[in-house]
Amino acid sequence: MAATPKSFGTKRIILAGLFLVAIYLLLLIPGSEPSPPRPAQQRPFLWDQDQYWSSLESRFVAARGRGCENLRDSILAGLAQTSHLTNSLRNVSFDEEDTVFDLIENNIFNLGPIVAACPGYLDEYIGTVVAMRSAVKDQSRHWDMNTIEVRERMYRLLYGSRAAVEEVMLQAPPSSVPANVLCDDEPSVTPSVEILGVRVHSGDILVSRGGAATSALIARGNDFPGNFSHVALLHVDSAGHASIIESHIEKGVAIATIEEYLRDTKLRIMVLRLRTDLTALVTDPMLPHKAASYSLATARARHVPYDFKMNFNDSSEFFCSEVVSN
């Protein structure tokens, strides 16, 4: 008996149904486990000195009970010794593993508790730490920053000393804590303006810490947990008008006035400036201003989206530090 068109249609429906069932059964088969992620190539920094931190806390409690008159000689001796060690770095190059840096680090931390108990010495302590940091930065010019040993030495001295100063500040009356910690005032010929008591120049880099939870993650979520979460570039025109070029997650690259920049919560701000002895600046001292002008013109000419992919090789989108690096 010959097949009718109706029976052919039924067979097609049955075959299609069986095919779909087969596909469904195949999809039920679990896939292979994904390959494990590649391990990190660097080791995260660990102080691993809990017992030492506890001893410093005990020393602070004991110092408060002794009184500042009884601590004066110890504080002055510690400041003098640290200054002597810092001065030894001025004219001689040391490798990062030299014990002089261990001595300096220990002095800074050991001074912290007794200065915290006697905030009248806060300014001298800050000045000693600032001088040390400057000398260490000069020493680091001939170090290989790509090695983990150098990175850890720099972190211990620069981040560690900043943390020590801030811990001391927390114990001092607010009236005795300086609004600014002034470091080396690198000379510049670019247009400038005074902001919060600090003379800043066009082309300066502003590094800050915001108040949002994401700012905390950016600052701390690193092999070397830090104090900063945002980077911006300063432009100052010939009339002294300042503009901040920065990139935000929610809107991409934007231009802000000083008032707008400061209105957005800043728990701390650090000003960075290129050294005048850099070859490019010796050739053209206005180069930082030209870079800032280029960034300002780019931000005004087009909307530059936020670079969520963080691709340094793509200049069509920028995340915050990419504004400066570009």
Protein backbone atom coordinates (compact mmCIF):
# COMPACT_ATOMS: atom_id res chain seq x y z
CA MET A 1 0.00 0.00 0.00
CA ALA A 2 1.54 3.38 -0.98
CA ALA A 3 2.33 5.91 1.76
CA THR A 4 0.07 8.92 1.90
CA PRO A 5 1.25 12.53 2.35
CA LYS A 6 -0.30 12.45 5.80
CA SER A 7 1.87 9.52 6.94
CA PHE A 8 5.01 11.26 5.64
CA GLY A 9 4.13 14.32 7.71
CA THR A 10 3.66 12.17 10.81
CA LYS A 11 7.06 10.53 10.32
CA ARG A 12 8.74 13.91 9.98
CA ILE A 13 7.18 15.07 13.25
CA ILE A 14 8.29 11.88 15.02
CA LEU A 15 11.85 12.18 13.67
CA ALA A 16 12.03 15.83 14.66
CA GLY A 17 10.81 14.96 18.14
CA LEU A 18 13.40 12.19 18.49
CA PHE A 19 16.11 14.58 17.33
CA LEU A 20 15.12 17.16 19.92
CA VAL A 21 15.06 14.48 22.63
CA ALA A 22 18.54 13.36 21.60
CA ILE A 23 19.84 16.95 21.75
CA TYR A 24 18.22 17.41 25.17
CA LEU A 25 19.86 14.22 26.47
CA LEU A 26 23.23 15.38 25.16
CA LEU A 27 22.83 18.69 26.96
CA LEU A 28 22.20 16.84 30.21
CA ILE A 29 25.67 15.33 30.05
CA PRO A 30 27.87 17.46 32.33
CA GLY A 31 30.76 19.19 30.63
CA SER A 32 34.36 18.68 31.60
CA GLU A 33 35.70 20.64 34.55
CA PRO A 34 37.18 23.98 33.50
CA SER A 35 40.94 24.27 33.68
CA PRO A 36 42.13 25.75 36.97
CA PRO A 37 43.18 29.39 36.76
CA ARG A 38 46.85 30.12 36.32
CA PRO A 39 48.51 30.83 39.65
CA ALA A 40 49.67 34.36 40.38
CA GLN A 41 53.17 35.08 39.18
CA GLN A 42 53.98 37.27 42.19
CA ARG A 43 53.69 36.60 45.90
CA PRO A 44 51.50 38.92 47.96
CA PHE A 45 53.35 40.97 50.54
CA LEU A 46 52.88 39.90 54.16
CA TRP A 47 54.25 41.75 57.14
CA ASP A 48 53.85 38.60 59.26
CA GLN A 49 54.88 40.53 62.38
CA ASP A 50 51.81 40.33 64.63
CA GLN A 51 53.89 39.89 67.77
CA TYR A 52 55.93 42.99 66.91
CA TRP A 53 52.79 45.09 66.33
CA SER A 54 51.43 43.93 69.68
CA SER A 55 54.67 44.95 71.38
CA LEU A 56 54.43 48.43 69.84
CA GLU A 57 50.89 48.79 71.16
CA SER A 58 52.06 47.76 74.64
CA ARG A 59 54.89 50.25 74.35
CA PHE A 60 52.41 53.03 73.56
CA VAL A 61 50.29 52.20 76.62
CA ALA A 62 53.40 52.17 78.81
CA ALA A 63 54.64 55.46 77.31
CA ARG A 64 51.41 57.25 78.13
CA GLY A 65 51.88 56.23 81.74
CA ARG A 66 55.46 57.50 81.95
CA GLY A 67 54.84 61.08 80.83
CA CYS A 68 56.58 63.12 78.15
CA GLU A 69 59.29 64.54 80.41
CA ASN A 70 60.58 61.04 80.98
CA LEU A 71 60.36 60.19 77.26
CA ARG A 72 62.06 63.32 75.93
CA ASP A 73 65.59 61.91 75.78
CA SER A 74 64.44 58.68 74.10
CA ILE A 75 62.47 60.59 71.48
CA LEU A 76 65.27 63.02 70.68
CA ALA A 77 67.83 60.20 70.52
CA GLY A 78 65.61 58.19 68.18
CA LEU A 79 65.03 61.17 65.90
CA ALA A 80 68.75 61.98 65.83
CA GLN A 81 69.74 58.41 65.05
CA THR A 82 67.21 58.17 62.22
CA SER A 83 68.42 61.47 60.76
CA HIS A 84 72.02 60.23 60.95
CA LEU A 85 71.10 57.03 59.09
CA THR A 86 69.17 59.06 56.51
CA ASN A 87 72.14 61.37 55.95
CA SER A 88 74.33 58.34 55.31
CA LEU A 89 72.18 57.64 52.23
CA ARG A 90 72.89 61.02 50.66
CA ASN A 91 76.29 60.45 49.09
CA VAL A 92 76.71 56.66 48.93
CA SER A 93 74.70 54.15 46.89
CA PHE A 94 73.36 51.16 48.81
CA ASP A 95 71.79 47.97 47.52
CA GLU A 96 68.27 47.26 48.68
CA GLU A 97 69.36 44.43 50.99
CA ASP A 98 71.74 46.63 53.00
CA THR A 99 71.05 46.51 56.75
CA VAL A 100 70.93 50.32 56.94
CA PHE A 101 67.36 50.13 55.65
CA ASP A 102 66.39 47.62 58.35
CA LEU A 103 67.77 49.98 60.99
CA ILE A 104 65.84 52.93 59.53
CA GLU A 105 62.59 50.93 59.37
CA ASN A 106 62.96 49.76 62.98
CA ASN A 107 63.69 53.29 64.18
CA ILE A 108 60.60 54.71 62.47
CA PHE A 109 58.32 52.06 63.96
CA ASN A 110 59.91 52.13 67.42
CA LEU A 111 59.60 55.91 67.60
CA GLY A 112 55.92 55.79 66.67
CA PRO A 113 54.45 54.71 70.03
CA ILE A 114 56.42 57.18 72.14
CA VAL A 115 55.76 60.11 69.76
CA ALA A 116 52.07 59.13 69.76
CA ALA A 117 52.15 59.46 73.55
CA CYS A 118 53.85 62.87 73.22
CA PRO A 119 52.25 64.63 70.22
CA GLY A 120 54.35 67.72 70.82
CA TYR A 121 57.04 65.92 68.80
CA LEU A 122 54.71 65.10 65.91
CA ASP A 123 56.14 67.73 63.55
CA GLU A 124 59.72 66.56 64.16
CA TYR A 125 58.68 62.95 63.61
CA ILE A 126 56.93 63.81 60.33
CA GLY A 127 59.96 65.81 59.16
CA THR A 128 62.27 62.89 59.94
CA VAL A 129 60.05 60.46 58.02
CA VAL A 130 59.74 62.83 55.03
CA ALA A 131 63.53 63.21 54.83
CA MET A 132 63.96 59.44 55.00
CA ARG A 133 61.43 58.85 52.24
CA SER A 134 63.17 61.35 49.98
CA ALA A 135 66.56 59.73 50.52
CA VAL A 136 65.17 56.25 49.88
CA LYS A 137 63.54 57.41 46.64
CA ASP A 138 66.88 58.79 45.50
CA GLN A 139 68.55 55.49 46.37
CA SER A 140 65.95 53.56 44.41
CA ARG A 141 66.91 55.25 41.13
CA HIS A 142 69.59 52.60 40.57
CA TRP A 143 67.48 49.69 41.83
CA ASP A 144 65.62 47.23 39.60
CA MET A 145 61.96 47.87 40.40
CA ASN A 146 60.97 44.66 38.58
CA THR A 147 62.45 42.45 41.31
CA ILE A 148 60.29 41.37 44.22
CA GLU A 149 63.06 42.18 46.71
CA VAL A 150 63.22 45.82 45.64
CA ARG A 151 59.45 46.18 45.53
CA GLU A 152 59.14 44.80 49.06
CA ARG A 153 61.91 47.04 50.38
CA MET A 154 60.26 50.12 48.88
CA TYR A 155 56.87 49.08 50.20
CA ARG A 156 58.14 48.51 53.73
CA LEU A 157 59.86 51.89 53.85
CA LEU A 158 57.40 54.11 51.93
CA TYR A 159 54.04 52.55 52.80
CA GLY A 160 55.21 51.45 56.25
CA SER A 161 56.44 54.91 57.23
CA ARG A 162 53.23 56.54 55.97
CA ALA A 163 51.18 54.07 58.01
CA ALA A 164 53.31 54.79 61.09
CA VAL A 165 52.82 58.55 60.72
CA GLU A 166 49.06 58.17 60.31
CA GLU A 167 48.83 55.94 63.39
CA VAL A 168 50.65 58.62 65.39
CA MET A 169 48.33 61.29 63.99
CA LEU A 170 45.30 59.32 65.15
CA GLN A 171 46.49 59.62 68.75
CA ALA A 172 47.18 63.35 68.57
CA PRO A 173 44.68 66.16 69.28
CA PRO A 174 43.13 67.26 65.95
CA SER A 175 44.51 70.77 66.43
CA SER A 176 48.09 69.46 66.37
CA VAL A 177 47.73 67.41 63.18
CA PRO A 178 48.95 69.32 60.09
CA ALA A 179 46.53 69.58 57.17
CA ASN A 180 49.37 68.91 54.74
CA VAL A 181 52.56 66.90 54.89
CA LEU A 182 54.97 68.80 52.66
CA CYS A 183 57.66 66.76 50.94
CA ASP A 184 60.13 67.80 48.22
CA ASP A 185 58.89 70.83 46.31
CA GLU A 186 60.08 69.84 42.85
CA PRO A 187 60.55 73.04 40.80
CA SER A 188 58.36 73.58 37.77
CA VAL A 189 57.93 76.32 35.16
CA THR A 190 54.39 75.32 34.20
CA PRO A 191 51.36 77.48 35.20
CA SER A 192 50.38 77.01 38.82
CA VAL A 193 47.69 77.68 41.40
CA GLU A 194 47.41 77.25 45.17
CA ILE A 195 44.97 74.62 46.39
CA LEU A 196 44.44 73.87 50.10
CA GLY A 197 47.69 75.61 50.93
CA VAL A 198 49.77 73.73 48.35
CA ARG A 199 51.19 75.26 45.15
CA VAL A 200 50.35 72.82 42.34
CA HIS A 201 51.45 73.01 38.71
CA SER A 202 49.92 72.10 35.38
CA GLY A 203 50.84 68.51 34.61
CA ASP A 204 50.87 67.43 38.27
CA ILE A 205 49.34 64.04 39.01
CA LEU A 206 46.75 63.85 41.80
CA VAL A 207 46.47 60.49 43.53
CA SER A 208 43.61 60.14 45.99
CA ARG A 209 41.60 57.77 48.14
CA GLY A 210 37.82 57.94 47.81
CA GLY A 211 35.25 57.15 50.47
CA ALA A 212 33.24 54.48 48.65
CA ALA A 213 33.50 50.74 49.25
CA THR A 214 34.84 50.27 45.73
CA SER A 215 37.61 52.75 46.56
CA ALA A 216 38.60 50.60 49.53
CA LEU A 217 38.70 47.52 47.30
CA ILE A 218 40.86 49.26 44.69
CA ALA A 219 43.24 50.59 47.35
CA ARG A 220 43.58 47.37 49.34
CA GLY A 221 42.95 44.65 46.73
CA ASN A 222 46.54 44.25 45.64
CA ASP A 223 49.66 42.21 46.30
CA PHE A 224 50.84 45.42 47.98
CA PRO A 225 47.77 46.91 49.74
CA GLY A 226 47.87 50.67 49.48
CA ASN A 227 46.24 53.94 50.47
CA PHE A 228 45.06 55.25 47.11
CA SER A 229 42.30 54.38 44.66
CA HIS A 230 42.09 57.14 42.03
CA VAL A 231 44.38 59.09 39.71
CA ALA A 232 43.71 62.39 37.94
CA LEU A 233 45.66 64.91 35.87
CA LEU A 234 45.79 68.63 36.68
CA HIS A 235 45.69 71.36 34.04
CA VAL A 236 46.26 75.01 34.90
CA ASP A 237 45.91 77.66 32.21
CA SER A 238 47.85 80.91 31.93
CA ALA A 239 45.13 82.73 33.90
CA GLY A 240 45.45 80.32 36.84
CA HIS A 241 42.21 78.43 36.15
CA ALA A 242 42.53 74.80 37.18
CA SER A 243 40.82 71.80 35.59
CA ILE A 244 40.97 68.18 36.67
CA ILE A 245 40.88 65.50 33.96
CA GLU A 246 39.76 62.15 35.37
CA SER A 247 37.84 59.03 34.41
CA HIS A 248 34.90 57.70 36.45
CA ILE A 249 33.28 54.29 36.21
CA GLU A 250 29.82 55.82 35.84
CA LYS A 251 30.60 58.39 33.11
CA GLY A 252 34.03 57.91 31.60
CA VAL A 253 36.48 60.77 31.14
CA ALA A 254 35.26 64.09 32.55
CA ILE A 255 36.56 67.54 33.37
CA ALA A 256 36.04 68.86 36.89
CA THR A 257 36.71 72.15 38.61
CA ILE A 258 38.73 72.11 41.82
CA GLU A 259 35.50 72.56 43.80
CA GLU A 260 33.86 69.59 42.05
CA TYR A 261 36.96 67.45 42.52
CA LEU A 262 37.13 68.15 46.25
CA ARG A 263 33.36 67.78 46.72
CA ASP A 264 33.70 64.13 45.76
CA THR A 265 34.95 62.51 48.99
CA LYS A 266 38.75 62.46 49.27
CA LEU A 267 40.19 60.83 52.38
CA ARG A 268 43.70 61.79 51.29
CA ILE A 269 45.36 63.39 48.26
CA MET A 270 48.98 63.04 47.16
CA VAL A 271 50.56 65.34 44.58
CA LEU A 272 53.16 63.81 42.24
CA ARG A 273 55.36 65.88 39.94
CA LEU A 274 57.90 64.82 37.32
CA ARG A 275 61.52 65.50 38.22
CA THR A 276 63.09 68.40 36.37
CA ASP A 277 66.27 66.41 35.70
CA LEU A 278 64.45 63.91 33.47
CA THR A 279 65.89 64.09 29.96
CA ALA A 280 62.55 64.95 28.37
CA LEU A 281 61.97 67.84 30.79
CA VAL A 282 65.49 69.18 30.39
CA THR A 283 64.74 69.37 26.66
CA ASP A 284 61.26 70.83 27.15
CA PRO A 285 60.37 72.06 30.67
CA MET A 286 56.79 72.75 29.52
CA LEU A 287 56.18 69.11 28.59
CA PRO A 288 53.94 68.33 31.62
CA HIS A 289 51.71 71.29 30.73
CA LYS A 290 51.56 70.17 27.10
CA ALA A 291 50.51 66.67 28.20
CA ALA A 292 47.78 68.10 30.43
CA SER A 293 46.62 70.39 27.61
CA TYR A 294 46.44 67.42 25.25
CA SER A 295 44.32 65.49 27.78
CA LEU A 296 42.03 68.46 28.34
CA ALA A 297 41.53 68.96 24.58
CA THR A 298 40.79 65.26 24.10
CA ALA A 299 38.18 65.28 26.87
CA ARG A 300 36.52 68.35 25.39
CA ALA A 301 36.55 67.05 21.80
CA ARG A 302 34.77 63.73 22.36
CA HIS A 303 33.20 61.49 24.94
CA VAL A 304 35.80 58.98 26.11
CA PRO A 305 34.08 55.97 27.75
CA TYR A 306 35.42 54.23 30.84
CA ASP A 307 37.74 51.36 29.96
CA PHE A 308 36.28 48.40 31.85
CA LYS A 309 38.59 46.04 29.97
CA MET A 310 41.62 47.99 31.25
CA ASN A 311 43.35 47.71 27.91
CA PHE A 312 46.34 50.06 27.85
CA ASN A 313 46.76 49.47 24.12
CA ASP A 314 43.35 50.93 23.25
CA SER A 315 43.20 54.73 23.42
CA SER A 316 39.47 54.93 22.63
CA GLU A 317 38.57 54.26 26.27
CA PHE A 318 40.33 55.18 29.54
CA PHE A 319 40.21 54.08 33.15
CA CYS A 320 41.53 56.61 35.67
CA SER A 321 45.27 55.94 35.62
CA GLU A 322 45.13 55.43 31.86
CA VAL A 323 44.27 59.12 31.48
CA VAL A 324 47.67 59.96 32.97
CA SER A 325 49.67 57.19 31.30
CA ASN A 326 48.25 58.06 27.87
